[in-house]
All heavy atoms as atom14 arrays in JSON, in Angstrom:
{
  "sequence": "LFASVVERFAAGVRVVEQTAPGLVEQIEAGDLDGPVTRGIVDRALRP",
  "atom14_mask": [
    [1, 1, 1, 1, 1, 1, 1, 1, 0, 0, 0, 0, 0, 0],
    [1, 1, 1, 1, 1, 1, 1, 1, 1, 1, 1, 0, 0, 0],
    [1, 1, 1, 1, 1, 0, 0, 0, 0, 0, 0, 0, 0, 0],
    [1, 1, 1, 1, 1, 1, 0, 0, 0, 0, 0, 0, 0, 0],
    [1, 1, 1, 1, 1, 1, 1, 0, 0, 0, 0, 0, 0, 0],
    [1, 1, 1, 1, 1, 1, 1, 0, 0, 0, 0, 0, 0, 0],
    [1, 1, 1, 1, 1, 1, 1, 1, 1, 0, 0, 0, 0, 0],
    [1, 1, 1, 1, 1, 1, 1, 1, 1, 1, 1, 0, 0, 0],
    [1, 1, 1, 1, 1, 1, 1, 1, 1, 1, 1, 0, 0, 0],
    [1, 1, 1, 1, 1, 0, 0, 0, 0, 0, 0, 0, 0, 0],
    [1, 1, 1, 1, 1, 0, 0, 0, 0, 0, 0, 0, 0, 0],
    [1, 1, 1, 1, 0, 0, 0, 0, 0, 0, 0, 0, 0, 0],
    [1, 1, 1, 1, 1, 1, 1, 0, 0, 0, 0, 0, 0, 0],
    [1, 1, 1, 1, 1, 1, 1, 1, 1, 1, 1, 0, 0, 0],
    [1, 1, 1, 1, 1, 1, 1, 0, 0, 0, 0, 0, 0, 0],
    [1, 1, 1, 1, 1, 1, 1, 0, 0, 0, 0, 0, 0, 0],
    [1, 1, 1, 1, 1, 1, 1, 1, 1, 0, 0, 0, 0, 0],
    [1, 1, 1, 1, 1, 1, 1, 1, 1, 0, 0, 0, 0, 0],
    [1, 1, 1, 1, 1, 1, 1, 0, 0, 0, 0, 0, 0, 0],
    [1, 1, 1, 1, 1, 0, 0, 0, 0, 0, 0, 0, 0, 0],
    [1, 1, 1, 1, 1, 1, 1, 0, 0, 0, 0, 0, 0, 0],
    [1, 1, 1, 1, 0, 0, 0, 0, 0, 0, 0, 0, 0, 0],
    [1, 1, 1, 1, 1, 1, 1, 1, 0, 0, 0, 0, 0, 0],
    [1, 1, 1, 1, 1, 1, 1, 0, 0, 0, 0, 0, 0, 0],
    [1, 1, 1, 1, 1, 1, 1, 1, 1, 0, 0, 0, 0, 0],
    [1, 1, 1, 1, 1, 1, 1, 1, 1, 0, 0, 0, 0, 0],
    [1, 1, 1, 1, 1, 1, 1, 1, 0, 0, 0, 0, 0, 0],
    [1, 1, 1, 1, 1, 1, 1, 1, 1, 0, 0, 0, 0, 0],
    [1, 1, 1, 1, 1, 0, 0, 0, 0, 0, 0, 0, 0, 0],
    [1, 1, 1, 1, 0, 0, 0, 0, 0, 0, 0, 0, 0, 0],
    [1, 1, 1, 1, 1, 1, 1, 1, 0, 0, 0, 0, 0, 0],
    [1, 1, 1, 1, 1, 1, 1, 1, 0, 0, 0, 0, 0, 0],
    [1, 1, 1, 1, 1, 1, 1, 1, 0, 0, 0, 0, 0, 0],
    [1, 1, 1, 1, 0, 0, 0, 0, 0, 0, 0, 0, 0, 0],
    [1, 1, 1, 1, 1, 1, 1, 0, 0, 0, 0, 0, 0, 0],
    [1, 1, 1, 1, 1, 1, 1, 0, 0, 0, 0, 0, 0, 0],
    [1, 1, 1, 1, 1, 1, 1, 0, 0, 0, 0, 0, 0, 0],
    [1, 1, 1, 1, 1, 1, 1, 1, 1, 1, 1, 0, 0, 0],
    [1, 1, 1, 1, 0, 0, 0, 0, 0, 0, 0, 0, 0, 0],
    [1, 1, 1, 1, 1, 1, 1, 1, 0, 0, 0, 0, 0, 0],
    [1, 1, 1, 1, 1, 1, 1, 0, 0, 0, 0, 0, 0, 0],
    [1, 1, 1, 1, 1, 1, 1, 1, 0, 0, 0, 0, 0, 0],
    [1, 1, 1, 1, 1, 1, 1, 1, 1, 1, 1, 0, 0, 0],
    [1, 1, 1, 1, 1, 0, 0, 0, 0, 0, 0, 0, 0, 0],
    [1, 1, 1, 1, 1, 1, 1, 1, 0, 0, 0, 0, 0, 0],
    [1, 1, 1, 1, 1, 1, 1, 1, 1, 1, 1, 0, 0, 0],
    [1, 1, 1, 1, 1, 1, 1, 0, 0, 0, 0, 0, 0, 0]
  ],
  "atom14_positions": [
    [[105.27, 203.21, 93.45], [103.86, 203.16, 93.13], [103.01, 203.13, 94.39], [102.02, 203.87, 94.51], [103.56, 201.94, 92.25], [102.1, 201.75, 91.81], [101.63, 202.93, 90.98], [101.96, 200.46, 91.01], [0.0, 0.0, 0.0], [0.0, 0.0, 0.0], [0.0, 0.0, 0.0], [0.0, 0.0, 0.0], [0.0, 0.0, 0.0], [0.0, 0.0, 0.0]],
    [[103.38, 202.31, 95.35], [102.6, 202.21, 96.58], [102.63, 203.53, 97.34], [101.58, 204.02, 97.81], [103.13, 201.08, 97.46], [102.36, 200.93, 98.75], [101.11, 200.36, 98.76], [102.9, 201.36, 99.96], [100.38, 200.23, 99.94], [102.2, 201.24, 101.14], [100.93, 200.68, 101.12], [0.0, 0.0, 0.0], [0.0, 0.0, 0.0], [0.0, 0.0, 0.0]],
    [[103.8, 204.12, 97.46], [103.92, 205.4, 98.17], [103.07, 206.47, 97.49], [102.42, 207.28, 98.17], [105.38, 205.84, 98.21], [0.0, 0.0, 0.0], [0.0, 0.0, 0.0], [0.0, 0.0, 0.0], [0.0, 0.0, 0.0], [0.0, 0.0, 0.0], [0.0, 0.0, 0.0], [0.0, 0.0, 0.0], [0.0, 0.0, 0.0], [0.0, 0.0, 0.0]],
    [[103.04, 206.46, 96.16], [102.25, 207.43, 95.42], [100.76, 207.24, 95.66], [100.01, 208.21, 95.84], [102.55, 207.31, 93.92], [101.66, 208.07, 93.15], [0.0, 0.0, 0.0], [0.0, 0.0, 0.0], [0.0, 0.0, 0.0], [0.0, 0.0, 0.0], [0.0, 0.0, 0.0], [0.0, 0.0, 0.0], [0.0, 0.0, 0.0], [0.0, 0.0, 0.0]],
    [[100.31, 205.99, 95.68], [98.9, 205.7, 95.9], [98.46, 206.15, 97.3], [97.41, 206.76, 97.47], [98.62, 204.19, 95.71], [97.24, 203.82, 96.22], [98.76, 203.8, 94.26], [0.0, 0.0, 0.0], [0.0, 0.0, 0.0], [0.0, 0.0, 0.0], [0.0, 0.0, 0.0], [0.0, 0.0, 0.0], [0.0, 0.0, 0.0], [0.0, 0.0, 0.0]],
    [[99.29, 205.88, 98.3], [98.97, 206.29, 99.66], [98.9, 207.81, 99.75], [97.98, 208.38, 100.36], [100.0, 205.73, 100.65], [99.8, 206.33, 102.04], [99.9, 204.21, 100.72], [0.0, 0.0, 0.0], [0.0, 0.0, 0.0], [0.0, 0.0, 0.0], [0.0, 0.0, 0.0], [0.0, 0.0, 0.0], [0.0, 0.0, 0.0], [0.0, 0.0, 0.0]],
    [[99.85, 208.48, 99.14], [99.89, 209.94, 99.18], [98.65, 210.55, 98.52], [98.08, 211.53, 99.0], [101.16, 210.44, 98.49], [101.31, 211.96, 98.53], [102.58, 212.43, 97.85], [103.43, 211.58, 97.49], [102.74, 213.65, 97.68], [0.0, 0.0, 0.0], [0.0, 0.0, 0.0], [0.0, 0.0, 0.0], [0.0, 0.0, 0.0], [0.0, 0.0, 0.0]],
    [[98.23, 209.95, 97.39], [97.12, 210.52, 96.63], [95.75, 210.22, 97.25], [94.85, 211.07, 97.2], [97.13, 209.96, 95.2], [98.17, 210.6, 94.29], [98.07, 210.03, 92.88], [98.6, 208.67, 92.82], [98.12, 207.73, 92.01], [97.09, 207.97, 91.23], [98.67, 206.52, 92.0], [0.0, 0.0, 0.0], [0.0, 0.0, 0.0], [0.0, 0.0, 0.0]],
    [[95.6, 209.03, 97.83], [94.25, 208.58, 98.18], [93.99, 208.31, 99.65], [92.86, 208.02, 100.03], [93.91, 207.3, 97.38], [93.99, 207.48, 95.9], [94.78, 206.64, 95.13], [93.27, 208.48, 95.27], [94.85, 206.79, 93.74], [93.33, 208.63, 93.89], [94.12, 207.8, 93.12], [0.0, 0.0, 0.0], [0.0, 0.0, 0.0], [0.0, 0.0, 0.0]],
    [[95.01, 208.4, 100.49], [94.81, 208.01, 101.89], [94.9, 209.18, 102.86], [95.23, 209.0, 104.03], [95.83, 206.93, 102.27], [0.0, 0.0, 0.0], [0.0, 0.0, 0.0], [0.0, 0.0, 0.0], [0.0, 0.0, 0.0], [0.0, 0.0, 0.0], [0.0, 0.0, 0.0], [0.0, 0.0, 0.0], [0.0, 0.0, 0.0], [0.0, 0.0, 0.0]],
    [[94.6, 210.38, 102.39], [94.62, 211.54, 103.28], [93.59, 211.34, 104.41], [92.43, 211.02, 104.16], [94.3, 212.8, 102.49], [0.0, 0.0, 0.0], [0.0, 0.0, 0.0], [0.0, 0.0, 0.0], [0.0, 0.0, 0.0], [0.0, 0.0, 0.0], [0.0, 0.0, 0.0], [0.0, 0.0, 0.0], [0.0, 0.0, 0.0], [0.0, 0.0, 0.0]],
    [[94.04, 211.52, 105.63], [93.15, 211.37, 106.77], [92.89, 209.94, 107.19], [92.1, 209.69, 108.1], [0.0, 0.0, 0.0], [0.0, 0.0, 0.0], [0.0, 0.0, 0.0], [0.0, 0.0, 0.0], [0.0, 0.0, 0.0], [0.0, 0.0, 0.0], [0.0, 0.0, 0.0], [0.0, 0.0, 0.0], [0.0, 0.0, 0.0], [0.0, 0.0, 0.0]],
    [[93.56, 209.0, 106.52], [93.4, 207.58, 106.84], [94.76, 206.99, 107.21], [95.77, 207.32, 106.59], [92.82, 206.81, 105.62], [92.83, 205.32, 105.85], [91.4, 207.28, 105.33], [0.0, 0.0, 0.0], [0.0, 0.0, 0.0], [0.0, 0.0, 0.0], [0.0, 0.0, 0.0], [0.0, 0.0, 0.0], [0.0, 0.0, 0.0], [0.0, 0.0, 0.0]],
    [[94.79, 206.14, 108.2], [96.04, 205.47, 108.57], [96.14, 204.16, 107.8], [95.21, 203.33, 107.85], [96.09, 205.21, 110.08], [97.43, 204.63, 110.55], [97.67, 204.93, 112.01], [96.72, 204.24, 112.86], [96.95, 203.06, 113.45], [98.12, 202.46, 113.27], [96.05, 202.52, 114.24], [0.0, 0.0, 0.0], [0.0, 0.0, 0.0], [0.0, 0.0, 0.0]],
    [[97.24, 203.98, 107.11], [97.47, 202.78, 106.31], [98.5, 201.91, 107.03], [99.61, 202.36, 107.3], [97.96, 203.12, 104.89], [98.27, 201.85, 104.11], [96.91, 203.96, 104.16], [0.0, 0.0, 0.0], [0.0, 0.0, 0.0], [0.0, 0.0, 0.0], [0.0, 0.0, 0.0], [0.0, 0.0, 0.0], [0.0, 0.0, 0.0], [0.0, 0.0, 0.0]],
    [[98.11, 200.7, 107.34], [98.99, 199.77, 108.06], [99.45, 198.69, 107.08], [98.62, 198.01, 106.47], [98.26, 199.12, 109.26], [99.22, 198.22, 110.03], [97.67, 200.19, 110.17], [0.0, 0.0, 0.0], [0.0, 0.0, 0.0], [0.0, 0.0, 0.0], [0.0, 0.0, 0.0], [0.0, 0.0, 0.0], [0.0, 0.0, 0.0], [0.0, 0.0, 0.0]],
    [[100.75, 198.55, 106.94], [101.33, 197.58, 106.0], [101.61, 196.26, 106.7], [102.05, 196.23, 107.85], [102.63, 198.14, 105.43], [102.48, 199.48, 104.74], [103.82, 200.09, 104.36], [104.85, 199.39, 104.5], [103.85, 201.25, 103.93], [0.0, 0.0, 0.0], [0.0, 0.0, 0.0], [0.0, 0.0, 0.0], [0.0, 0.0, 0.0], [0.0, 0.0, 0.0]],
    [[101.37, 195.16, 105.98], [101.62, 193.84, 106.55], [101.98, 192.85, 105.45], [101.3, 192.78, 104.43], [100.38, 193.34, 107.3], [100.56, 191.99, 107.99], [101.61, 192.03, 109.08], [101.66, 192.96, 109.88], [102.46, 191.02, 109.13], [0.0, 0.0, 0.0], [0.0, 0.0, 0.0], [0.0, 0.0, 0.0], [0.0, 0.0, 0.0], [0.0, 0.0, 0.0]],
    [[103.06, 192.12, 105.65], [103.42, 191.04, 104.74], [102.86, 189.72, 105.25], [102.44, 189.61, 106.4], [104.95, 190.93, 104.59], [105.52, 190.67, 105.87], [105.53, 192.23, 104.03], [0.0, 0.0, 0.0], [0.0, 0.0, 0.0], [0.0, 0.0, 0.0], [0.0, 0.0, 0.0], [0.0, 0.0, 0.0], [0.0, 0.0, 0.0], [0.0, 0.0, 0.0]],
    [[102.86, 188.72, 104.37], [102.35, 187.39, 104.72], [103.34, 186.35, 104.2], [103.06, 185.65, 103.22], [100.96, 187.17, 104.13], [0.0, 0.0, 0.0], [0.0, 0.0, 0.0], [0.0, 0.0, 0.0], [0.0, 0.0, 0.0], [0.0, 0.0, 0.0], [0.0, 0.0, 0.0], [0.0, 0.0, 0.0], [0.0, 0.0, 0.0], [0.0, 0.0, 0.0]],
    [[104.51, 186.24, 104.84], [105.54, 185.32, 104.33], [105.03, 183.89, 104.18], [104.4, 183.35, 105.09], [106.62, 185.41, 105.43], [106.41, 186.73, 106.09], [104.92, 186.94, 106.06], [0.0, 0.0, 0.0], [0.0, 0.0, 0.0], [0.0, 0.0, 0.0], [0.0, 0.0, 0.0], [0.0, 0.0, 0.0], [0.0, 0.0, 0.0], [0.0, 0.0, 0.0]],
    [[105.3, 183.32, 103.01], [104.91, 181.94, 102.75], [103.54, 181.76, 102.13], [103.21, 180.67, 101.65], [0.0, 0.0, 0.0], [0.0, 0.0, 0.0], [0.0, 0.0, 0.0], [0.0, 0.0, 0.0], [0.0, 0.0, 0.0], [0.0, 0.0, 0.0], [0.0, 0.0, 0.0], [0.0, 0.0, 0.0], [0.0, 0.0, 0.0], [0.0, 0.0, 0.0]],
    [[102.73, 182.82, 102.09], [101.36, 182.65, 101.6], [101.32, 182.39, 100.1], [100.55, 181.55, 99.63], [100.51, 183.88, 101.95], [99.02, 183.79, 101.59], [98.37, 182.54, 102.18], [98.28, 185.05, 102.03], [0.0, 0.0, 0.0], [0.0, 0.0, 0.0], [0.0, 0.0, 0.0], [0.0, 0.0, 0.0], [0.0, 0.0, 0.0], [0.0, 0.0, 0.0]],
    [[102.15, 183.09, 99.34], [102.18, 182.85, 97.89], [102.53, 181.39, 97.6], [101.89, 180.75, 96.76], [103.18, 183.8, 97.2], [103.46, 183.34, 95.76], [102.65, 185.22, 97.19], [0.0, 0.0, 0.0], [0.0, 0.0, 0.0], [0.0, 0.0, 0.0], [0.0, 0.0, 0.0], [0.0, 0.0, 0.0], [0.0, 0.0, 0.0], [0.0, 0.0, 0.0]],
    [[103.51, 180.87, 98.31], [103.93, 179.49, 98.08], [102.8, 178.51, 98.4], [102.61, 177.51, 97.68], [105.16, 179.16, 98.92], [106.43, 179.87, 98.45], [106.62, 181.24, 99.09], [105.63, 181.86, 99.56], [107.76, 181.73, 99.1], [0.0, 0.0, 0.0], [0.0, 0.0, 0.0], [0.0, 0.0, 0.0], [0.0, 0.0, 0.0], [0.0, 0.0, 0.0]],
    [[102.04, 178.77, 99.46], [100.92, 177.89, 99.81], [99.84, 177.93, 98.72], [99.28, 176.89, 98.35], [100.31, 178.32, 101.15], [101.2, 178.05, 102.36], [101.5, 176.57, 102.53], [102.64, 176.13, 102.37], [100.49, 175.79, 102.83], [0.0, 0.0, 0.0], [0.0, 0.0, 0.0], [0.0, 0.0, 0.0], [0.0, 0.0, 0.0], [0.0, 0.0, 0.0]],
    [[99.56, 179.11, 98.21], [98.55, 179.25, 97.17], [99.02, 178.57, 95.88], [98.25, 177.88, 95.21], [98.21, 180.73, 96.94], [97.54, 181.3, 98.2], [97.3, 180.91, 95.73], [97.4, 182.81, 98.2], [0.0, 0.0, 0.0], [0.0, 0.0, 0.0], [0.0, 0.0, 0.0], [0.0, 0.0, 0.0], [0.0, 0.0, 0.0], [0.0, 0.0, 0.0]],
    [[100.29, 178.75, 95.55], [100.84, 178.06, 94.37], [100.66, 176.56, 94.48], [100.4, 175.87, 93.49], [102.34, 178.39, 94.23], [102.64, 179.75, 93.67], [102.43, 179.84, 92.16], [102.74, 178.87, 91.44], [101.95, 180.89, 91.71], [0.0, 0.0, 0.0], [0.0, 0.0, 0.0], [0.0, 0.0, 0.0], [0.0, 0.0, 0.0], [0.0, 0.0, 0.0]],
    [[100.79, 176.05, 95.7], [100.66, 174.6, 95.93], [99.21, 174.15, 95.95], [98.93, 172.95, 96.09], [101.36, 174.21, 97.23], [0.0, 0.0, 0.0], [0.0, 0.0, 0.0], [0.0, 0.0, 0.0], [0.0, 0.0, 0.0], [0.0, 0.0, 0.0], [0.0, 0.0, 0.0], [0.0, 0.0, 0.0], [0.0, 0.0, 0.0], [0.0, 0.0, 0.0]],
    [[98.28, 175.11, 95.85], [96.86, 174.76, 95.86], [96.27, 174.6, 97.24], [95.11, 174.18, 97.38], [0.0, 0.0, 0.0], [0.0, 0.0, 0.0], [0.0, 0.0, 0.0], [0.0, 0.0, 0.0], [0.0, 0.0, 0.0], [0.0, 0.0, 0.0], [0.0, 0.0, 0.0], [0.0, 0.0, 0.0], [0.0, 0.0, 0.0], [0.0, 0.0, 0.0]],
    [[97.02, 174.97, 98.27], [96.52, 174.85, 99.66], [95.9, 176.19, 100.05], [96.6, 177.13, 100.44], [97.67, 174.5, 100.6], [97.19, 174.31, 102.04], [96.01, 174.56, 102.32], [98.02, 173.92, 102.89], [0.0, 0.0, 0.0], [0.0, 0.0, 0.0], [0.0, 0.0, 0.0], [0.0, 0.0, 0.0], [0.0, 0.0, 0.0], [0.0, 0.0, 0.0]],
    [[94.58, 176.29, 99.95], [93.88, 177.55, 100.19], [93.21, 177.6, 101.56], [92.72, 178.67, 101.96], [92.8, 177.77, 99.11], [93.28, 177.66, 97.65], [92.13, 177.99, 96.71], [94.47, 178.56, 97.4], [0.0, 0.0, 0.0], [0.0, 0.0, 0.0], [0.0, 0.0, 0.0], [0.0, 0.0, 0.0], [0.0, 0.0, 0.0], [0.0, 0.0, 0.0]],
    [[93.23, 176.48, 102.29], [92.49, 176.48, 103.55], [93.07, 175.52, 104.58], [92.43, 175.22, 105.59], [91.02, 176.12, 103.28], [90.12, 176.39, 104.47], [90.39, 177.34, 105.21], [89.15, 175.62, 104.67], [0.0, 0.0, 0.0], [0.0, 0.0, 0.0], [0.0, 0.0, 0.0], [0.0, 0.0, 0.0], [0.0, 0.0, 0.0], [0.0, 0.0, 0.0]],
    [[94.28, 175.01, 104.32], [94.88, 174.05, 105.24], [95.44, 174.72, 106.49], [95.49, 175.96, 106.59], [0.0, 0.0, 0.0], [0.0, 0.0, 0.0], [0.0, 0.0, 0.0], [0.0, 0.0, 0.0], [0.0, 0.0, 0.0], [0.0, 0.0, 0.0], [0.0, 0.0, 0.0], [0.0, 0.0, 0.0], [0.0, 0.0, 0.0], [0.0, 0.0, 0.0]],
    [[95.89, 173.94, 107.45], [96.39, 174.5, 108.72], [97.55, 175.47, 108.54], [97.59, 176.51, 109.22], [96.83, 173.25, 109.49], [96.06, 172.13, 108.9], [95.87, 172.46, 107.47], [0.0, 0.0, 0.0], [0.0, 0.0, 0.0], [0.0, 0.0, 0.0], [0.0, 0.0, 0.0], [0.0, 0.0, 0.0], [0.0, 0.0, 0.0], [0.0, 0.0, 0.0]],
    [[98.48, 175.15, 107.65], [99.62, 176.06, 107.45], [99.15, 177.38, 106.86], [99.54, 178.47, 107.32], [100.68, 175.4, 106.54], [101.79, 176.4, 106.21], [101.28, 174.17, 107.21], [0.0, 0.0, 0.0], [0.0, 0.0, 0.0], [0.0, 0.0, 0.0], [0.0, 0.0, 0.0], [0.0, 0.0, 0.0], [0.0, 0.0, 0.0], [0.0, 0.0, 0.0]],
    [[98.3, 177.31, 105.86], [97.78, 178.52, 105.22], [96.97, 179.35, 106.21], [97.11, 180.58, 106.28], [96.91, 178.16, 104.0], [97.7, 177.39, 103.09], [96.41, 179.41, 103.3], [0.0, 0.0, 0.0], [0.0, 0.0, 0.0], [0.0, 0.0, 0.0], [0.0, 0.0, 0.0], [0.0, 0.0, 0.0], [0.0, 0.0, 0.0], [0.0, 0.0, 0.0]],
    [[96.14, 178.68, 106.99], [95.34, 179.39, 107.99], [96.24, 180.1, 109.0], [95.96, 181.23, 109.42], [94.39, 178.42, 108.7], [93.31, 177.84, 107.82], [92.4, 176.9, 108.59], [91.51, 177.63, 109.47], [90.32, 178.11, 109.12], [89.88, 177.93, 107.87], [89.57, 178.75, 109.97], [0.0, 0.0, 0.0], [0.0, 0.0, 0.0], [0.0, 0.0, 0.0]],
    [[97.31, 179.44, 109.38], [98.23, 180.05, 110.34], [98.9, 181.29, 109.77], [99.04, 182.32, 110.45], [0.0, 0.0, 0.0], [0.0, 0.0, 0.0], [0.0, 0.0, 0.0], [0.0, 0.0, 0.0], [0.0, 0.0, 0.0], [0.0, 0.0, 0.0], [0.0, 0.0, 0.0], [0.0, 0.0, 0.0], [0.0, 0.0, 0.0], [0.0, 0.0, 0.0]],
    [[99.32, 181.23, 108.49], [99.96, 182.38, 107.84], [98.99, 183.55, 107.77], [99.34, 184.7, 108.1], [100.45, 182.0, 106.43], [101.61, 181.0, 106.52], [100.88, 183.25, 105.65], [102.0, 180.4, 105.17], [0.0, 0.0, 0.0], [0.0, 0.0, 0.0], [0.0, 0.0, 0.0], [0.0, 0.0, 0.0], [0.0, 0.0, 0.0], [0.0, 0.0, 0.0]],
    [[97.76, 183.28, 107.33], [96.77, 184.34, 107.19], [96.42, 184.93, 108.55], [96.31, 186.16, 108.71], [95.52, 183.83, 106.46], [94.41, 184.88, 106.46], [95.86, 183.43, 105.03], [0.0, 0.0, 0.0], [0.0, 0.0, 0.0], [0.0, 0.0, 0.0], [0.0, 0.0, 0.0], [0.0, 0.0, 0.0], [0.0, 0.0, 0.0], [0.0, 0.0, 0.0]],
    [[96.26, 184.08, 109.54], [95.92, 184.56, 110.89], [97.02, 185.47, 111.44], [96.73, 186.54, 112.0], [95.7, 183.37, 111.82], [95.27, 183.81, 113.21], [94.21, 184.44, 113.32], [96.0, 183.52, 114.18], [0.0, 0.0, 0.0], [0.0, 0.0, 0.0], [0.0, 0.0, 0.0], [0.0, 0.0, 0.0], [0.0, 0.0, 0.0], [0.0, 0.0, 0.0]],
    [[98.26, 185.07, 111.27], [99.38, 185.89, 111.77], [99.47, 187.22, 111.02], [99.86, 188.24, 111.6], [100.7, 185.12, 111.65], [100.86, 184.0, 112.66], [102.26, 183.43, 112.66], [102.58, 182.76, 111.41], [102.29, 181.49, 111.15], [101.65, 180.75, 112.04], [102.64, 180.95, 109.99], [0.0, 0.0, 0.0], [0.0, 0.0, 0.0], [0.0, 0.0, 0.0]],
    [[99.12, 187.21, 109.74], [99.17, 188.45, 108.97], [98.03, 189.39, 109.34], [98.21, 190.62, 109.41], [99.12, 188.13, 107.47], [0.0, 0.0, 0.0], [0.0, 0.0, 0.0], [0.0, 0.0, 0.0], [0.0, 0.0, 0.0], [0.0, 0.0, 0.0], [0.0, 0.0, 0.0], [0.0, 0.0, 0.0], [0.0, 0.0, 0.0], [0.0, 0.0, 0.0]],
    [[96.85, 188.85, 109.59], [95.69, 189.68, 109.88], [95.71, 190.25, 111.3], [95.23, 191.37, 111.52], [94.4, 188.87, 109.7], [93.97, 188.54, 108.28], [92.74, 187.65, 108.31], [93.68, 189.81, 107.49], [0.0, 0.0, 0.0], [0.0, 0.0, 0.0], [0.0, 0.0, 0.0], [0.0, 0.0, 0.0], [0.0, 0.0, 0.0], [0.0, 0.0, 0.0]],
    [[96.25, 189.49, 112.23], [96.12, 189.87, 113.63], [96.6, 191.29, 113.93], [95.86, 192.08, 114.56], [96.84, 188.85, 114.53], [96.43, 188.93, 116.0], [97.05, 187.81, 116.8], [96.69, 186.51, 116.27], [97.51, 185.46, 116.23], [98.76, 185.59, 116.67], [97.11, 184.31, 115.76], [0.0, 0.0, 0.0], [0.0, 0.0, 0.0], [0.0, 0.0, 0.0]],
    [[97.81, 191.69, 113.49], [98.23, 193.07, 113.79], [97.37, 194.13, 113.12], [97.22, 195.23, 113.66], [99.68, 193.12, 113.28], [99.87, 191.91, 112.45], [98.88, 190.9, 112.86], [0.0, 0.0, 0.0], [0.0, 0.0, 0.0], [0.0, 0.0, 0.0], [0.0, 0.0, 0.0], [0.0, 0.0, 0.0], [0.0, 0.0, 0.0], [0.0, 0.0, 0.0]]
  ]
}
């Protein structure tokens, strides 16, 4: 599905993929803005 979406809609655009290990678990725990969550999001966004 993801490959199909990129092929159909991202012509002329570079798509950069990034995972955020541990973020789902932090959100499940209700931690939306704590130091651990901020660190995960920061590391995912930086590249």
